[in-house]
Amino acid sequence: MSRAPIISGAYVGVVLITAGVTHYVSVMHGAPIGPGIALFVATLPSSLVVFVPPLDALEAGALTAFLIGCGAIQAGTLWFMLK
C-alpha cells in the first residue's frame, strides 16, 4: 500500500482532532484565543492566509472552518506529492 493515503490521512486526523479540542475548550471554558493557536500551528503554512485583511475579521466559528479547510487542502497536497 502506498504511504500517501496514510500520511495525508494522519494529517487530516491531526487537524480534525485539534479542531475538536479547540472547539470544546472554547465552548466549555470560554478561552477564545488560546486553543485556536494550536489549530493555527497545525495548519501552517496555509493558515498564514488568515492575516489577509478581509479574513482577519472572521468570527470564531468561521475561522475554525477556514483553518480546517486549509488543513484539508494541505492534506490533499501531501497526498498528491507523495503518490
Protein backbone atom coordinates (compact mmCIF):
# COMPACT_ATOMS: atom_id res chain seq x y z
CA MET A 1 0.00 0.00 0.00
CA SER A 2 1.20 3.47 -0.80
CA ARG A 3 2.25 5.72 2.03
CA ALA A 4 0.45 8.75 0.56
CA PRO A 5 -3.04 7.98 1.95
CA ILE A 6 -1.59 7.00 5.33
CA ILE A 7 0.39 10.22 5.76
CA SER A 8 -2.29 12.55 4.40
CA GLY A 9 -5.00 10.74 6.38
CA ALA A 10 -2.97 11.05 9.57
CA TYR A 11 -2.57 14.77 8.89
CA VAL A 12 -6.33 15.18 8.38
CA GLY A 13 -6.83 13.33 11.67
CA VAL A 14 -4.47 15.69 13.48
CA VAL A 15 -6.29 18.72 12.05
CA LEU A 16 -9.75 17.36 12.94
CA ILE A 17 -8.75 16.35 16.47
CA THR A 18 -7.11 19.73 17.04
CA ALA A 19 -10.23 21.47 15.72
CA GLY A 20 -12.45 19.38 18.00
CA VAL A 21 -10.33 20.14 21.06
CA THR A 22 -10.21 23.82 20.09
CA HIS A 23 -13.99 23.98 19.82
CA TYR A 24 -14.53 22.06 23.06
CA VAL A 25 -12.14 24.23 25.09
CA SER A 26 -13.52 27.43 23.59
CA VAL A 27 -17.13 26.47 24.34
CA MET A 28 -16.61 24.88 27.76
CA HIS A 29 -14.02 27.24 29.19
CA GLY A 30 -14.53 30.42 27.21
CA ALA A 31 -10.92 30.61 26.07
CA PRO A 32 -11.29 32.50 22.78
CA ILE A 33 -7.70 32.57 21.50
CA GLY A 34 -5.51 30.04 23.31
CA PRO A 35 -6.78 26.81 21.77
CA GLY A 36 -7.09 28.46 18.36
CA ILE A 37 -3.34 28.91 18.29
CA ALA A 38 -2.91 25.12 18.29
CA LEU A 39 -5.17 24.82 15.22
CA PHE A 40 -3.30 27.69 13.57
CA VAL A 41 0.04 25.94 14.14
CA ALA A 42 -1.32 22.56 12.97
CA THR A 43 -2.35 24.06 9.63
CA LEU A 44 0.79 26.10 8.95
CA PRO A 45 1.82 27.37 6.38
CA SER A 46 -1.57 27.76 4.68
CA SER A 47 -3.09 29.25 7.83
CA LEU A 48 -0.95 32.36 7.28
CA VAL A 49 -3.59 33.41 4.75
CA VAL A 50 -5.70 34.38 7.79
CA PHE A 51 -3.65 37.56 8.06
CA VAL A 52 -5.06 38.81 4.74
CA PRO A 53 -7.23 41.84 5.64
CA PRO A 54 -10.72 40.53 4.72
CA LEU A 55 -10.09 37.23 6.53
CA ASP A 56 -8.76 38.65 9.79
CA ALA A 57 -12.27 39.80 10.76
CA LEU A 58 -13.80 36.29 10.68
CA GLU A 59 -15.91 35.10 13.60
CA ALA A 60 -14.52 32.23 15.66
CA GLY A 61 -16.66 29.52 14.01
CA ALA A 62 -15.90 30.73 10.51
CA LEU A 63 -12.21 30.97 11.31
CA THR A 64 -12.19 27.39 12.63
CA ALA A 65 -13.94 26.18 9.46
CA PHE A 66 -11.47 28.12 7.32
CA LEU A 67 -8.48 26.59 9.14
CA ILE A 68 -9.96 23.10 8.75
CA GLY A 69 -10.26 23.83 5.02
CA CYS A 70 -6.60 24.90 4.99
CA GLY A 71 -5.70 21.60 6.60
CA ALA A 72 -7.74 19.67 4.06
CA ILE A 73 -6.00 21.45 1.18
CA GLN A 74 -2.62 20.70 2.70
CA ALA A 75 -3.55 17.04 3.18
CA GLY A 76 -4.57 16.85 -0.48
CA THR A 77 -1.27 18.44 -1.45
CA LEU A 78 0.62 15.92 0.70
CA TRP A 79 -1.24 13.05 -0.93
CA PHE A 80 -0.58 14.42 -4.42
CA MET A 81 3.13 14.95 -3.72
CA LEU A 82 3.63 11.50 -2.19
CA LYS A 83 1.72 9.37 -4.68
